[in-house]
Amino acid sequence: METNALVEQFAHHVVAQNEALFRGDSRSGNKHARKYLSAVGKLQAMGDTGRDALCVLLKHERMDVRVMAAAFLLRYRTEDAKSVLEEAAKGKGLVPFGAQQTLQHWAEGTWSLDPG
């Protein structure tokens, strides 16, 4: 599958997961999480080509998509990803909390979403 299609799948399923969680539908949310994890896994398997493709999402219109992409790009694009996460972490709610947790794991050395 082409990188652009995988990037679109990643973004679509991040949005769909968050919408499901806001409705209280964790079953559907988990289904979408598996799908975006599959897409990002395929992108990571492509090496830097896949990671470069994912970088476009750091500027996505939706904060949830930016934050999730940044979480997977911390090792590869550290400064850009941290900037996205730090900005999101200033807010309140589920997505800002996720950004805060990601930054905490990064600082503690326990982050492992893209082992390289």
C-alpha atoms as a PDB file:
ATOM      1  CA  MET A   1       0.000   0.000   0.000  1.00  0.00           C
ATOM      2  CA  GLU A   2       1.227   3.492  -0.810  1.00  0.00           C
ATOM      3  CA  THR A   3       2.443   5.784   1.965  1.00  0.00           C
ATOM      4  CA  ASN A   4      -0.192   8.472   1.364  1.00  0.00           C
ATOM      5  CA  ALA A   5      -2.997   5.942   1.746  1.00  0.00           C
ATOM      6  CA  LEU A   6      -1.483   4.668   5.005  1.00  0.00           C
ATOM      7  CA  VAL A   7      -1.155   8.226   6.324  1.00  0.00           C
ATOM      8  CA  GLU A   8      -4.808   8.878   5.435  1.00  0.00           C
ATOM      9  CA  GLN A   9      -5.839   5.631   7.166  1.00  0.00           C
ATOM     10  CA  PHE A  10      -3.880   6.609  10.266  1.00  0.00           C
ATOM     11  CA  ALA A  11      -5.555  10.028  10.466  1.00  0.00           C
ATOM     12  CA  HIS A  12      -9.031   8.642   9.731  1.00  0.00           C
ATOM     13  CA  HIS A  13      -8.828   5.987  12.434  1.00  0.00           C
ATOM     14  CA  VAL A  14      -7.372   8.352  15.046  1.00  0.00           C
ATOM     15  CA  VAL A  15     -10.372  10.644  14.498  1.00  0.00           C
ATOM     16  CA  ALA A  16     -12.801   7.713  14.485  1.00  0.00           C
ATOM     17  CA  GLN A  17     -11.314   6.309  17.704  1.00  0.00           C
ATOM     18  CA  ASN A  18     -11.639   9.628  19.504  1.00  0.00           C
ATOM     19  CA  GLU A  19     -15.212  10.118  18.304  1.00  0.00           C
ATOM     20  CA  ALA A  20     -16.073   6.611  19.519  1.00  0.00           C
ATOM     21  CA  LEU A  21     -14.487   7.262  22.916  1.00  0.00           C
ATOM     22  CA  PHE A  22     -16.376  10.536  23.298  1.00  0.00           C
ATOM     23  CA  ARG A  23     -19.594   8.558  22.654  1.00  0.00           C
ATOM     24  CA  GLY A  24     -18.562   6.041  25.300  1.00  0.00           C
ATOM     25  CA  ASP A  25     -18.111   3.296  22.683  1.00  0.00           C
ATOM     26  CA  SER A  26     -14.810   1.731  23.716  1.00  0.00           C
ATOM     27  CA  ARG A  27     -15.377  -1.369  21.577  1.00  0.00           C
ATOM     28  CA  SER A  28     -15.513   0.687  18.390  1.00  0.00           C
ATOM     29  CA  GLY A  29     -12.676   2.872  19.688  1.00  0.00           C
ATOM     30  CA  ASN A  30     -10.475  -0.181  20.157  1.00  0.00           C
ATOM     31  CA  LYS A  31     -11.269  -1.356  16.612  1.00  0.00           C
ATOM     32  CA  HIS A  32     -10.124   1.987  15.212  1.00  0.00           C
ATOM     33  CA  ALA A  33      -7.008   1.960  17.425  1.00  0.00           C
ATOM     34  CA  ARG A  34      -6.002  -1.401  15.963  1.00  0.00           C
ATOM     35  CA  LYS A  35      -6.427   0.024  12.466  1.00  0.00           C
ATOM     36  CA  TYR A  36      -4.321   3.132  13.031  1.00  0.00           C
ATOM     37  CA  LEU A  37      -1.688   1.038  14.811  1.00  0.00           C
ATOM     38  CA  SER A  38      -1.595  -1.248  11.781  1.00  0.00           C
ATOM     39  CA  ALA A  39      -1.169   1.728   9.438  1.00  0.00           C
ATOM     40  CA  VAL A  40       1.621   3.274  11.516  1.00  0.00           C
ATOM     41  CA  GLY A  41       3.335  -0.102  11.823  1.00  0.00           C
ATOM     42  CA  LYS A  42       3.404  -0.408   8.030  1.00  0.00           C
ATOM     43  CA  LEU A  43       4.770   3.133   7.741  1.00  0.00           C
ATOM     44  CA  GLN A  44       7.468   2.419  10.331  1.00  0.00           C
ATOM     45  CA  ALA A  45       8.399  -0.759   8.465  1.00  0.00           C
ATOM     46  CA  MET A  46       9.225   1.446   5.463  1.00  0.00           C
ATOM     47  CA  GLY A  47      11.881   3.201   7.533  1.00  0.00           C
ATOM     48  CA  ASP A  48      12.487   6.896   7.037  1.00  0.00           C
ATOM     49  CA  THR A  49      10.278   6.985   3.936  1.00  0.00           C
ATOM     50  CA  GLY A  50       7.260   5.987   6.015  1.00  0.00           C
ATOM     51  CA  ARG A  51       8.192   8.269   8.889  1.00  0.00           C
ATOM     52  CA  ASP A  52       8.641  11.210   6.486  1.00  0.00           C
ATOM     53  CA  ALA A  53       5.156  10.530   5.113  1.00  0.00           C
ATOM     54  CA  LEU A  54       3.688  10.569   8.639  1.00  0.00           C
ATOM     55  CA  CYS A  55       5.330  13.952   9.320  1.00  0.00           C
ATOM     56  CA  VAL A  56       2.676  15.752   7.242  1.00  0.00           C
ATOM     57  CA  LEU A  57       0.226  14.999  10.060  1.00  0.00           C
ATOM     58  CA  LEU A  58       2.182  17.202  12.477  1.00  0.00           C
ATOM     59  CA  LYS A  59       0.363  20.078  10.771  1.00  0.00           C
ATOM     60  CA  HIS A  60      -3.054  18.394  10.527  1.00  0.00           C
ATOM     61  CA  GLU A  61      -6.084  20.566  11.287  1.00  0.00           C
ATOM     62  CA  ARG A  62      -7.170  18.309  14.165  1.00  0.00           C
ATOM     63  CA  MET A  63      -5.211  18.317  17.398  1.00  0.00           C
ATOM     64  CA  ASP A  64      -5.900  14.630  18.070  1.00  0.00           C
ATOM     65  CA  VAL A  65      -4.280  13.638  14.773  1.00  0.00           C
ATOM     66  CA  ARG A  66      -1.302  15.972  15.315  1.00  0.00           C
ATOM     67  CA  VAL A  67      -0.752  14.615  18.833  1.00  0.00           C
ATOM     68  CA  MET A  68      -0.954  10.968  17.826  1.00  0.00           C
ATOM     69  CA  ALA A  69       1.415  11.491  14.885  1.00  0.00           C
ATOM     70  CA  ALA A  70       3.805  13.394  17.161  1.00  0.00           C
ATOM     71  CA  ALA A  71       3.723  10.554  19.680  1.00  0.00           C
ATOM     72  CA  PHE A  72       4.983   8.160  17.002  1.00  0.00           C
ATOM     73  CA  LEU A  73       7.544  10.627  15.619  1.00  0.00           C
ATOM     74  CA  LEU A  74       9.330  11.636  18.818  1.00  0.00           C
ATOM     75  CA  ARG A  75      12.523   9.725  18.095  1.00  0.00           C
ATOM     76  CA  TYR A  76      12.594  10.631  14.400  1.00  0.00           C
ATOM     77  CA  ARG A  77      11.564  14.305  14.520  1.00  0.00           C
ATOM     78  CA  THR A  78      12.121  15.096  18.172  1.00  0.00           C
ATOM     79  CA  GLU A  79      11.908  18.893  18.145  1.00  0.00           C
ATOM     80  CA  ASP A  80       8.897  19.094  15.806  1.00  0.00           C
ATOM     81  CA  ALA A  81       7.049  16.356  17.686  1.00  0.00           C
ATOM     82  CA  LYS A  82       7.811  17.847  21.101  1.00  0.00           C
ATOM     83  CA  SER A  83       6.575  21.236  19.910  1.00  0.00           C
ATOM     84  CA  VAL A  84       3.227  19.724  18.853  1.00  0.00           C
ATOM     85  CA  LEU A  85       2.906  17.809  22.124  1.00  0.00           C
ATOM     86  CA  GLU A  86       3.869  20.774  24.302  1.00  0.00           C
ATOM     87  CA  GLU A  87       1.315  23.012  22.606  1.00  0.00           C
ATOM     88  CA  ALA A  88      -1.446  20.396  22.966  1.00  0.00           C
ATOM     89  CA  ALA A  89      -0.494  19.665  26.582  1.00  0.00           C
ATOM     90  CA  LYS A  90      -1.490  23.211  27.558  1.00  0.00           C
ATOM     91  CA  GLY A  91      -5.158  22.370  27.071  1.00  0.00           C
ATOM     92  CA  LYS A  92      -7.694  20.355  29.023  1.00  0.00           C
ATOM     93  CA  GLY A  93      -9.316  17.076  28.046  1.00  0.00           C
ATOM     94  CA  LEU A  94      -8.386  13.654  26.759  1.00  0.00           C
ATOM     95  CA  VAL A  95      -6.076  14.713  23.914  1.00  0.00           C
ATOM     96  CA  PRO A  96      -4.070  17.217  26.006  1.00  0.00           C
ATOM     97  CA  PHE A  97      -3.796  14.586  28.751  1.00  0.00           C
ATOM     98  CA  GLY A  98      -2.420  12.125  26.200  1.00  0.00           C
ATOM     99  CA  ALA A  99       0.115  14.734  25.078  1.00  0.00           C
ATOM    100  CA  GLN A 100       1.149  15.312  28.697  1.00  0.00           C
ATOM    101  CA  GLN A 101       1.589  11.581  29.282  1.00  0.00           C
ATOM    102  CA  THR A 102       3.620  11.149  26.108  1.00  0.00           C
ATOM    103  CA  LEU A 103       5.952  13.985  27.111  1.00  0.00           C
ATOM    104  CA  GLN A 104       6.302  12.481  30.582  1.00  0.00           C
ATOM    105  CA  HIS A 105       7.212   9.052  29.176  1.00  0.00           C
ATOM    106  CA  TRP A 106       9.711  10.698  26.824  1.00  0.00           C
ATOM    107  CA  ALA A 107      11.330  12.607  29.709  1.00  0.00           C
ATOM    108  CA  GLU A 108      11.469   9.448  31.852  1.00  0.00           C
ATOM    109  CA  GLY A 109      13.011   7.416  29.050  1.00  0.00           C
ATOM    110  CA  THR A 110      10.068   5.008  28.945  1.00  0.00           C
ATOM    111  CA  TRP A 111       8.651   6.119  25.547  1.00  0.00           C
ATOM    112  CA  SER A 112       8.804   3.258  23.029  1.00  0.00           C
ATOM    113  CA  LEU A 113       6.376   3.843  20.164  1.00  0.00           C
ATOM    114  CA  ASP A 114       9.068   3.767  17.482  1.00  0.00           C
ATOM    115  CA  PRO A 115      12.065   1.773  18.682  1.00  0.00           C
ATOM    116  CA  GLY A 116      13.857   2.328  15.380  1.00  0.00           C
END
